[in-house]
Amino acid sequence: MSTKQTPVQITAPLAGIWRKTVDDGAAVAEGQVIGYVEAIKLDAAVTAPAAGTIRFIVTEDFSDVSGGDLLAELH
């Protein structure tokens, strides 16, 4: 029987400019900030919903993202 879990998808909370605060492959704790989406001088923190390892989908800082865009997966 396999114990492999389905990755948890982490999405942008709103449209703006993406900046990550941890590296790809980093081990993170539940609630840890993994990046920010900045829109009109507002920084919306993007946090890990659970503990795990981050695999970024949007890897470049200062990338334009839309609300709901997939930013990373938590494994």
C-alpha atoms as a PDB file:
ATOM      1  CA  MET A   1       0.000   0.000   0.000  1.00  0.00           C
ATOM      2  CA  SER A   2       1.393   3.423  -0.983  1.00  0.00           C
ATOM      3  CA  THR A   3       1.650   6.200   1.602  1.00  0.00           C
ATOM      4  CA  LYS A   4       2.413   8.889  -0.961  1.00  0.00           C
ATOM      5  CA  GLN A   5       0.262  11.943  -0.314  1.00  0.00           C
ATOM      6  CA  THR A   6      -1.221  14.232  -2.918  1.00  0.00           C
ATOM      7  CA  PRO A   7       0.587  17.605  -2.966  1.00  0.00           C
ATOM      8  CA  VAL A   8      -1.273  20.534  -1.423  1.00  0.00           C
ATOM      9  CA  GLN A   9      -1.655  23.400  -3.889  1.00  0.00           C
ATOM     10  CA  ILE A  10      -0.876  26.937  -2.710  1.00  0.00           C
ATOM     11  CA  THR A  11      -2.481  29.698  -4.754  1.00  0.00           C
ATOM     12  CA  ALA A  12      -2.223  33.472  -5.022  1.00  0.00           C
ATOM     13  CA  PRO A  13      -4.764  35.219  -2.767  1.00  0.00           C
ATOM     14  CA  LEU A  14      -5.051  38.138  -5.203  1.00  0.00           C
ATOM     15  CA  ALA A  15      -3.542  39.571  -8.387  1.00  0.00           C
ATOM     16  CA  GLY A  16      -0.179  41.281  -8.058  1.00  0.00           C
ATOM     17  CA  ILE A  17       3.571  40.762  -8.027  1.00  0.00           C
ATOM     18  CA  TRP A  18       4.917  37.531  -6.502  1.00  0.00           C
ATOM     19  CA  ARG A  19       8.004  37.419  -4.234  1.00  0.00           C
ATOM     20  CA  LYS A  20       9.098  34.212  -2.500  1.00  0.00           C
ATOM     21  CA  THR A  21      10.777  34.194   0.910  1.00  0.00           C
ATOM     22  CA  VAL A  22      12.024  30.587   1.047  1.00  0.00           C
ATOM     23  CA  ASP A  23      13.947  28.498  -1.454  1.00  0.00           C
ATOM     24  CA  ASP A  24      12.564  25.713  -3.594  1.00  0.00           C
ATOM     25  CA  GLY A  25      12.847  22.448  -1.684  1.00  0.00           C
ATOM     26  CA  ALA A  26      12.736  24.155   1.722  1.00  0.00           C
ATOM     27  CA  ALA A  27      11.171  22.380   4.676  1.00  0.00           C
ATOM     28  CA  VAL A  28       8.452  24.636   6.096  1.00  0.00           C
ATOM     29  CA  ALA A  29       6.222  24.632   9.156  1.00  0.00           C
ATOM     30  CA  GLU A  30       2.465  25.087   9.123  1.00  0.00           C
ATOM     31  CA  GLY A  31       1.693  28.810   8.932  1.00  0.00           C
ATOM     32  CA  GLN A  32       5.190  29.786   7.791  1.00  0.00           C
ATOM     33  CA  VAL A  33       5.287  32.603   5.227  1.00  0.00           C
ATOM     34  CA  ILE A  34       6.601  31.302   1.910  1.00  0.00           C
ATOM     35  CA  GLY A  35       6.158  34.539  -0.024  1.00  0.00           C
ATOM     36  CA  TYR A  36       4.102  37.645  -0.662  1.00  0.00           C
ATOM     37  CA  VAL A  37       1.842  38.951  -3.394  1.00  0.00           C
ATOM     38  CA  GLU A  38       2.075  42.737  -3.594  1.00  0.00           C
ATOM     39  CA  ALA A  39      -0.771  44.753  -5.060  1.00  0.00           C
ATOM     40  CA  ILE A  40      -1.168  48.515  -4.785  1.00  0.00           C
ATOM     41  CA  LYS A  41       1.283  48.763  -1.850  1.00  0.00           C
ATOM     42  CA  LEU A  42      -0.460  45.930   0.002  1.00  0.00           C
ATOM     43  CA  ASP A  43       1.561  42.810   0.810  1.00  0.00           C
ATOM     44  CA  ALA A  44      -0.572  39.693   1.171  1.00  0.00           C
ATOM     45  CA  ALA A  45       1.385  36.945   2.935  1.00  0.00           C
ATOM     46  CA  VAL A  46       1.194  33.475   1.409  1.00  0.00           C
ATOM     47  CA  THR A  47       1.612  30.805   4.089  1.00  0.00           C
ATOM     48  CA  ALA A  48       2.098  27.066   4.168  1.00  0.00           C
ATOM     49  CA  PRO A  49      -1.198  25.381   5.132  1.00  0.00           C
ATOM     50  CA  ALA A  50       0.724  22.458   6.692  1.00  0.00           C
ATOM     51  CA  ALA A  51       4.265  21.320   7.360  1.00  0.00           C
ATOM     52  CA  GLY A  52       6.133  19.862   4.394  1.00  0.00           C
ATOM     53  CA  THR A  53       8.541  20.594   1.560  1.00  0.00           C
ATOM     54  CA  ILE A  54       7.932  23.429  -0.915  1.00  0.00           C
ATOM     55  CA  ARG A  55       8.085  22.965  -4.682  1.00  0.00           C
ATOM     56  CA  PHE A  56       7.567  26.309  -6.387  1.00  0.00           C
ATOM     57  CA  ILE A  57       5.593  26.511  -9.621  1.00  0.00           C
ATOM     58  CA  VAL A  58       6.172  30.260 -10.056  1.00  0.00           C
ATOM     59  CA  THR A  59       9.921  30.364  -9.446  1.00  0.00           C
ATOM     60  CA  GLU A  60      10.825  33.899 -10.503  1.00  0.00           C
ATOM     61  CA  ASP A  61      10.503  36.785  -8.056  1.00  0.00           C
ATOM     62  CA  PHE A  62       8.547  39.799  -9.322  1.00  0.00           C
ATOM     63  CA  SER A  63       6.359  37.636 -11.588  1.00  0.00           C
ATOM     64  CA  ASP A  64       2.855  38.902 -12.340  1.00  0.00           C
ATOM     65  CA  VAL A  65       0.201  36.569 -10.929  1.00  0.00           C
ATOM     66  CA  SER A  66      -3.590  36.561 -10.893  1.00  0.00           C
ATOM     67  CA  GLY A  67      -5.765  35.635  -7.952  1.00  0.00           C
ATOM     68  CA  GLY A  68      -6.056  31.868  -7.784  1.00  0.00           C
ATOM     69  CA  ASP A  69      -2.875  31.174  -9.791  1.00  0.00           C
ATOM     70  CA  LEU A  70      -0.933  28.148  -8.583  1.00  0.00           C
ATOM     71  CA  LEU A  71       2.259  29.394  -6.880  1.00  0.00           C
ATOM     72  CA  ALA A  72       3.614  26.280  -5.199  1.00  0.00           C
ATOM     73  CA  GLU A  73       2.914  22.748  -4.064  1.00  0.00           C
ATOM     74  CA  LEU A  74       3.538  21.398  -0.595  1.00  0.00           C
ATOM     75  CA  HIS A  75       4.747  17.816  -0.439  1.00  0.00           C
END
